[in-house]
Amino acid sequence: MIHEAMFYEKLAKNEVQCNLCAHRCRVRPGKRGICGVRENCEGTLFSLVYGGVANEDVANIEQKPFYHYYPGSTAYSVGTIGCNFRCRHCQNWTLSRAAPEDAFLGTLSPSQLVMQAKMAGCQSVSWTYNEPTVWYEYTYEGARLAKEEGLGTSYVTNGYITPEALENIAPYLDAFSVDIKGFSEAFYREICGAKLAPVLETSRLAKELGIHVEVVNLVIPTHNDSPDEIRELSRWVYENLGKDTPLHFNRFHPHYEMKHLPPTPVKALDMARSIAIEEGMRFVYIGNVPGHPHENTYCPECGSLLIARGFFEVQEYNISPDKTCPKCGETIPITGEYRKSSGMI
């Protein structure tokens, strides 16, 4: 699982600077970056988790969530350990906080990953469960091979990858589910151990590079749920990513170091959606609330139900083959074709 890292530079006294994520860690010999899985060994930076898989399964693409990317399809989904954030509400903290020497990791080469995705009948490969940037070398090679075999590729990410690393993988990366966790530097500093500005820069660049982008915001009571912050986030997405960008407001559930908070009231999610609609966003979703009508896709022009979803699965698909609303003819921005699930998940 040891593999020389990409995107680093050698410094004096055997120190290195990692340029893979926005932390741009300066790492002394024998030490690791913030992610915990990239180590300086005598002046050479190594990934400690290349091909080291902690979680692997076949999942509906809607679970990522991607609602406008090959709806109804399945993604071969893999994750490892480590993370460059320190989110106090992390749902996968057993992976993100694990050290390589303490974790049980299976091995899966990039070619094996692609082969298993095809054998499972998946439309795409998705790097998810932990931050995909931290095992960039593996994702890069896997994405390149996946594209050669006609598979789609996606990152489920915190958006902290550097511009140079994103530009390098962009020819092989189709979709980007980016979690904009809040819309203030204070929130990122206190809750995530990071900064907001690089996430916005990355999200904008992904769009410019032609990657399909969907934005996720986990609404946490008393921390990032004020109407003003929701409005600023919605306005930024509208102005920088476009009005047709799928925007997901997801319900928070108490977890990890934030178990003292209540779940997000559904009315707060409804408020967030209303604000985003007021700001011009056309496809705004509410997640982690099973059965909520706004996990469905409606025509923004005439209101017709276009995609009905339940439990992260497409239950009804009513978009015309030319990707328009069958009632009014409005163009609906869907990337890829609808794939009816085989029900084998």
Protein backbone atom coordinates (compact mmCIF):
# COMPACT_ATOMS: atom_id res chain seq x y z
CA MET A 1 0.00 0.00 0.00
CA ILE A 2 3.10 2.26 0.03
CA HIS A 3 3.29 4.46 -3.04
CA GLU A 4 5.28 7.61 -3.75
CA ALA A 5 3.01 10.63 -3.55
CA MET A 6 2.14 13.01 -6.34
CA PHE A 7 2.10 16.79 -5.94
CA TYR A 8 4.83 17.47 -3.42
CA GLU A 9 8.14 19.30 -3.45
CA LYS A 10 11.37 18.55 -1.64
CA LEU A 11 12.74 21.17 0.72
CA ALA A 12 15.94 21.63 2.72
CA LYS A 13 16.83 19.23 5.54
CA ASN A 14 14.73 16.43 4.00
CA GLU A 15 11.49 18.29 4.63
CA VAL A 16 8.74 18.18 1.99
CA GLN A 17 5.71 20.26 1.17
CA CYS A 18 2.59 18.42 0.11
CA ASN A 19 0.61 20.32 -2.52
CA LEU A 20 -2.31 17.94 -2.81
CA CYS A 21 -4.80 19.78 -0.61
CA ALA A 22 -5.22 23.35 0.53
CA HIS A 23 -3.45 22.73 3.85
CA ARG A 24 -0.20 22.40 1.84
CA CYS A 25 1.40 20.66 4.80
CA ARG A 26 5.11 21.11 5.40
CA VAL A 27 6.16 17.69 6.66
CA ARG A 28 9.37 16.91 8.54
CA PRO A 29 11.16 13.55 8.12
CA GLY A 30 9.29 10.73 9.82
CA LYS A 31 6.13 12.80 10.19
CA ARG A 32 2.75 12.78 8.44
CA GLY A 33 0.47 15.43 7.04
CA ILE A 34 -2.84 16.46 8.58
CA CYS A 35 -4.56 13.66 6.65
CA GLY A 36 -2.57 11.06 8.62
CA VAL A 37 -1.88 8.86 5.59
CA ARG A 38 0.97 10.67 3.79
CA GLU A 39 4.40 10.34 5.39
CA ASN A 40 7.82 11.85 4.78
CA CYS A 41 10.39 9.06 4.62
CA GLU A 42 13.89 10.55 4.39
CA GLY A 43 12.82 13.37 2.11
CA THR A 44 10.33 11.44 -0.05
CA LEU A 45 6.59 11.72 0.52
CA PHE A 46 4.64 8.47 0.40
CA SER A 47 0.96 7.55 0.43
CA LEU A 48 0.41 4.83 3.04
CA VAL A 49 -2.97 3.72 1.70
CA TYR A 50 -2.59 3.18 -2.05
CA GLY A 51 -5.10 0.43 -2.85
CA GLY A 52 -5.96 0.02 0.83
CA VAL A 53 -9.75 -0.28 0.93
CA ALA A 54 -11.67 0.14 4.19
CA ASN A 55 -15.16 0.08 2.70
CA GLU A 56 -16.38 -1.31 -0.63
CA ASP A 57 -19.88 -1.84 -1.98
CA VAL A 58 -22.37 -1.27 -4.78
CA ALA A 59 -24.65 1.71 -4.12
CA ASN A 60 -27.33 3.68 -5.90
CA ILE A 61 -25.84 6.88 -7.29
CA GLU A 62 -28.54 8.81 -5.41
CA GLN A 63 -26.83 7.88 -2.13
CA LYS A 64 -23.80 10.06 -2.91
CA PRO A 65 -25.98 12.16 -3.46
CA PHE A 66 -26.08 12.63 -7.22
CA TYR A 67 -29.60 13.36 -8.45
CA HIS A 68 -28.75 14.65 -11.94
CA TYR A 69 -25.96 12.22 -12.88
CA TYR A 70 -27.05 8.93 -14.48
CA PRO A 71 -30.17 8.72 -12.29
CA GLY A 72 -31.14 5.23 -11.23
CA SER A 73 -27.66 3.81 -11.89
CA THR A 74 -25.30 2.07 -9.47
CA ALA A 75 -21.77 3.11 -8.53
CA TYR A 76 -19.00 0.82 -7.34
CA SER A 77 -18.10 2.70 -4.18
CA VAL A 78 -14.81 2.53 -2.30
CA GLY A 79 -13.18 4.40 0.57
CA THR A 80 -10.06 4.18 2.68
CA ILE A 81 -8.97 5.84 5.94
CA GLY A 82 -7.73 9.32 6.75
CA CYS A 83 -9.07 12.82 6.19
CA ASN A 84 -7.73 16.35 5.87
CA PHE A 85 -10.65 17.77 7.88
CA ARG A 86 -11.45 17.38 11.58
CA CYS A 87 -15.23 17.70 11.48
CA ARG A 88 -16.78 17.44 14.91
CA HIS A 89 -19.92 15.92 13.41
CA CYS A 90 -18.17 13.34 11.19
CA GLN A 91 -20.39 10.33 10.44
CA ASN A 92 -17.45 8.17 9.31
CA TRP A 93 -15.01 9.08 12.07
CA THR A 94 -13.94 5.44 12.49
CA LEU A 95 -12.44 5.74 9.00
CA SER A 96 -11.39 9.39 8.93
CA ARG A 97 -9.53 9.19 12.26
CA ALA A 98 -7.96 5.75 11.81
CA ALA A 99 -4.19 5.34 11.49
CA PRO A 100 -2.80 3.01 8.81
CA GLU A 101 -0.98 0.85 11.34
CA ASP A 102 -4.19 0.28 13.31
CA ALA A 103 -6.66 -0.23 10.48
CA PHE A 104 -7.70 -3.42 8.72
CA LEU A 105 -7.56 -2.65 5.03
CA GLY A 106 -8.24 -4.93 2.12
CA THR A 107 -6.19 -4.52 -1.03
CA LEU A 108 -7.71 -3.65 -4.38
CA SER A 109 -5.61 -2.53 -7.32
CA PRO A 110 -6.99 0.08 -9.73
CA SER A 111 -7.44 -2.57 -12.42
CA GLN A 112 -9.26 -4.87 -9.98
CA LEU A 113 -11.50 -1.98 -8.97
CA VAL A 114 -12.52 -1.37 -12.57
CA MET A 115 -13.01 -5.06 -13.26
CA GLN A 116 -15.26 -5.52 -10.22
CA ALA A 117 -17.29 -2.45 -11.12
CA LYS A 118 -17.96 -3.88 -14.58
CA MET A 119 -18.77 -7.34 -13.20
CA ALA A 120 -21.29 -5.76 -10.81
CA GLY A 121 -23.00 -3.99 -13.71
CA CYS A 122 -22.21 -0.53 -12.36
CA GLN A 123 -22.36 2.57 -14.53
CA SER A 124 -19.58 4.27 -12.59
CA VAL A 125 -16.91 4.15 -9.88
CA SER A 126 -17.19 6.47 -6.88
CA TRP A 127 -14.58 7.38 -4.29
CA THR A 128 -16.52 8.09 -1.13
CA TYR A 129 -16.89 7.27 2.62
CA ASN A 130 -13.75 9.27 3.42
CA GLU A 131 -12.13 12.20 1.61
CA PRO A 132 -10.95 10.82 -1.76
CA THR A 133 -8.15 13.38 -2.11
CA VAL A 134 -6.06 11.69 0.59
CA TRP A 135 -5.46 8.64 -1.65
CA TYR A 136 -5.24 10.70 -4.79
CA GLU A 137 -2.67 8.49 -6.53
CA TYR A 138 -5.06 5.54 -6.35
CA THR A 139 -8.08 7.54 -7.45
CA TYR A 140 -6.15 9.07 -10.35
CA GLU A 141 -5.03 5.72 -11.72
CA GLY A 142 -8.45 4.17 -11.07
CA ALA A 143 -10.26 7.02 -12.80
CA ARG A 144 -7.96 6.81 -15.82
CA LEU A 145 -8.55 3.07 -16.19
CA ALA A 146 -12.29 3.43 -15.57
CA LYS A 147 -12.64 5.95 -18.39
CA GLU A 148 -10.76 3.62 -20.73
CA GLU A 149 -13.38 0.96 -19.96
CA GLY A 150 -16.32 3.30 -20.50
CA LEU A 151 -17.22 3.80 -16.83
CA GLY A 152 -18.17 7.07 -15.19
CA THR A 153 -16.21 8.40 -12.21
CA SER A 154 -17.09 10.55 -9.22
CA TYR A 155 -15.66 12.13 -6.08
CA VAL A 156 -17.74 12.65 -2.94
CA THR A 157 -15.56 15.33 -1.46
CA ASN A 158 -15.02 18.20 0.96
CA GLY A 159 -13.57 20.22 -1.92
CA TYR A 160 -10.14 20.86 -0.38
CA ILE A 161 -8.12 19.50 -3.31
CA THR A 162 -5.66 22.02 -4.80
CA PRO A 163 -6.29 23.52 -8.24
CA GLU A 164 -3.28 21.78 -9.76
CA ALA A 165 -4.34 18.35 -8.49
CA LEU A 166 -7.93 18.86 -9.65
CA GLU A 167 -6.83 20.01 -13.10
CA ASN A 168 -4.67 16.89 -13.40
CA ILE A 169 -7.49 14.43 -12.67
CA ALA A 170 -10.26 16.42 -14.37
CA PRO A 171 -9.98 14.64 -17.76
CA TYR A 172 -10.89 11.40 -15.97
CA LEU A 173 -13.35 12.72 -13.36
CA ASP A 174 -16.99 13.11 -14.39
CA ALA A 175 -18.85 14.14 -11.26
CA PHE A 176 -18.18 16.04 -8.06
CA SER A 177 -20.50 15.95 -5.04
CA VAL A 178 -19.00 18.73 -2.96
CA ASP A 179 -19.95 19.34 0.64
CA ILE A 180 -19.99 23.08 1.34
CA LYS A 181 -20.34 22.59 5.06
CA GLY A 182 -21.23 26.13 6.00
CA PHE A 183 -20.79 29.61 4.65
CA SER A 184 -18.52 31.29 7.16
CA GLU A 185 -14.83 31.04 7.88
CA ALA A 186 -15.65 30.77 11.59
CA PHE A 187 -17.69 27.60 11.00
CA TYR A 188 -14.92 25.99 8.97
CA ARG A 189 -12.27 26.94 11.51
CA GLU A 190 -14.18 25.85 14.62
CA ILE A 191 -16.12 22.82 13.32
CA CYS A 192 -13.97 21.45 10.46
CA GLY A 193 -10.39 22.57 11.12
CA ALA A 194 -10.18 24.10 7.65
CA LYS A 195 -11.03 27.19 5.60
CA LEU A 196 -14.03 28.01 3.42
CA ALA A 197 -12.29 29.94 0.64
CA PRO A 198 -10.40 26.97 -0.91
CA VAL A 199 -13.63 24.94 -1.02
CA LEU A 200 -15.35 27.67 -3.00
CA GLU A 201 -12.36 28.00 -5.32
CA THR A 202 -12.35 24.25 -5.96
CA SER A 203 -16.11 24.09 -6.57
CA ARG A 204 -15.92 26.91 -9.09
CA LEU A 205 -12.91 25.34 -10.84
CA ALA A 206 -14.61 21.93 -11.06
CA LYS A 207 -17.51 23.59 -12.88
CA GLU A 208 -15.13 25.43 -15.22
CA LEU A 209 -13.36 22.17 -16.02
CA GLY A 210 -16.61 20.60 -17.20
CA ILE A 211 -17.15 18.30 -14.22
CA HIS A 212 -20.77 17.69 -13.19
CA VAL A 213 -21.14 19.43 -9.80
CA GLU A 214 -23.78 18.95 -7.11
CA VAL A 215 -23.60 20.84 -3.81
CA VAL A 216 -24.48 19.39 -0.41
CA ASN A 217 -25.02 21.39 2.77
CA LEU A 218 -25.65 19.56 6.05
CA VAL A 219 -27.81 21.94 8.07
CA ILE A 220 -26.68 21.84 11.71
CA PRO A 221 -28.89 23.51 14.34
CA THR A 222 -27.36 26.69 15.86
CA HIS A 223 -24.16 26.39 13.78
CA ASN A 224 -24.87 26.99 10.08
CA ASP A 225 -28.66 27.23 9.87
CA SER A 226 -29.29 30.98 10.01
CA PRO A 227 -31.39 32.38 7.17
CA ASP A 228 -28.64 34.86 6.30
CA GLU A 229 -26.01 32.15 5.95
CA ILE A 230 -28.32 29.93 3.89
CA ARG A 231 -29.07 32.90 1.65
CA GLU A 232 -25.38 33.72 1.17
CA LEU A 233 -24.62 30.10 0.29
CA SER A 234 -27.52 29.89 -2.17
CA ARG A 235 -26.58 33.18 -3.80
CA TRP A 236 -22.96 32.07 -4.17
CA VAL A 237 -24.00 28.81 -5.85
CA TYR A 238 -26.35 30.70 -8.18
CA GLU A 239 -23.70 33.23 -9.19
CA ASN A 240 -20.72 30.87 -9.45
CA LEU A 241 -22.04 27.42 -10.35
CA GLY A 242 -25.32 28.28 -12.01
CA LYS A 243 -29.02 28.16 -11.30
CA ASP A 244 -29.36 24.56 -12.53
CA THR A 245 -26.78 23.18 -10.06
CA PRO A 246 -28.49 20.60 -7.83
CA LEU A 247 -28.37 21.93 -4.25
CA HIS A 248 -29.03 19.48 -1.42
CA PHE A 249 -29.93 20.59 2.11
CA ASN A 250 -29.49 17.53 4.30
CA ARG A 251 -30.73 16.80 7.77
CA PHE A 252 -28.16 16.56 10.56
CA HIS A 253 -28.35 13.73 13.10
CA PRO A 254 -26.38 13.85 16.37
CA HIS A 255 -23.04 12.11 15.91
CA TYR A 256 -19.42 11.92 17.06
CA GLU A 257 -18.55 15.08 19.05
CA MET A 258 -21.89 16.79 18.42
CA LYS A 259 -24.27 14.32 20.05
CA HIS A 260 -25.59 17.07 22.31
CA LEU A 261 -27.41 18.75 19.41
CA PRO A 262 -30.91 17.81 18.22
CA PRO A 263 -31.63 16.61 14.69
CA THR A 264 -32.34 19.39 12.23
CA PRO A 265 -36.04 20.35 12.35
CA VAL A 266 -37.67 19.60 9.03
CA LYS A 267 -39.10 23.12 9.00
CA ALA A 268 -35.52 24.47 9.00
CA LEU A 269 -34.78 22.42 5.88
CA ASP A 270 -37.99 23.65 4.26
CA MET A 271 -36.92 27.20 5.07
CA ALA A 272 -33.50 26.63 3.53
CA ARG A 273 -35.06 25.30 0.36
CA SER A 274 -37.44 28.25 0.12
CA ILE A 275 -34.56 30.68 0.49
CA ALA A 276 -32.56 28.94 -2.24
CA ILE A 277 -35.58 29.06 -4.57
CA GLU A 278 -35.95 32.78 -3.82
CA GLU A 279 -32.31 33.24 -4.81
CA GLY A 280 -32.99 31.68 -8.19
CA MET A 281 -31.93 28.07 -7.72
CA ARG A 282 -34.13 25.72 -9.76
CA PHE A 283 -33.32 22.27 -8.37
CA VAL A 284 -33.20 22.28 -4.57
CA TYR A 285 -33.50 19.06 -2.60
CA ILE A 286 -34.04 18.01 1.00
CA GLY A 287 -32.15 14.93 2.12
CA ASN A 288 -32.06 12.53 5.07
CA VAL A 289 -35.83 12.93 5.49
CA PRO A 290 -37.37 9.76 4.04
CA GLY A 291 -40.58 10.43 2.17
CA HIS A 292 -40.12 14.19 1.93
CA PRO A 293 -41.66 15.46 -1.33
CA HIS A 294 -38.56 17.51 -2.10
CA GLU A 295 -36.29 14.55 -2.57
CA ASN A 296 -38.13 14.41 -5.91
CA THR A 297 -37.32 16.39 -9.06
CA TYR A 298 -40.00 18.74 -10.38
CA CYS A 299 -40.05 20.77 -13.55
CA PRO A 300 -39.03 24.31 -12.54
CA GLU A 301 -41.32 25.72 -15.23
CA CYS A 302 -44.63 23.87 -14.85
CA GLY A 303 -44.16 21.92 -11.59
CA SER A 304 -44.68 18.44 -13.09
CA LEU A 305 -43.18 15.50 -11.18
CA LEU A 306 -40.22 14.32 -13.24
CA ILE A 307 -38.28 11.96 -10.94
CA ALA A 308 -39.83 10.36 -7.87
CA ARG A 309 -37.36 9.01 -5.31
CA GLY A 310 -37.62 6.98 -2.13
CA PHE A 311 -34.87 5.56 0.06
CA PHE A 312 -32.18 6.76 -2.38
CA GLU A 313 -33.82 4.97 -5.28
CA VAL A 314 -35.58 6.21 -8.40
CA GLN A 315 -39.19 5.03 -8.28
CA GLU A 316 -40.56 6.94 -11.26
CA TYR A 317 -38.79 8.63 -14.18
CA ASN A 318 -40.80 10.93 -16.45
CA ILE A 319 -38.20 12.93 -18.38
CA SER A 320 -38.40 12.68 -22.17
CA PRO A 321 -35.52 11.05 -24.11
CA ASP A 322 -34.40 14.50 -25.27
CA LYS A 323 -34.14 15.52 -21.59
CA THR A 324 -37.13 17.80 -21.54
CA CYS A 325 -40.28 17.98 -19.46
CA PRO A 326 -42.93 15.93 -21.30
CA LYS A 327 -45.64 18.43 -20.33
CA CYS A 328 -44.13 21.83 -21.14
CA GLY A 329 -40.91 21.06 -23.04
CA GLU A 330 -38.58 22.73 -20.52
CA THR A 331 -34.99 21.45 -20.79
CA ILE A 332 -33.98 19.42 -17.71
CA PRO A 333 -30.21 19.33 -17.05
CA ILE A 334 -29.48 15.64 -16.53
CA THR A 335 -25.99 14.27 -17.20
CA GLY A 336 -26.14 10.80 -18.72
CA GLU A 337 -29.05 8.50 -19.31
CA TYR A 338 -31.51 7.03 -16.84
CA ARG A 339 -30.54 3.55 -15.71
CA LYS A 340 -33.18 1.43 -14.04
CA SER A 341 -31.72 -0.28 -10.97
CA SER A 342 -31.37 -4.03 -11.13
CA GLY A 343 -32.45 -4.29 -7.51
CA MET A 344 -29.30 -6.23 -6.63
CA ILE A 345 -28.04 -3.74 -4.01
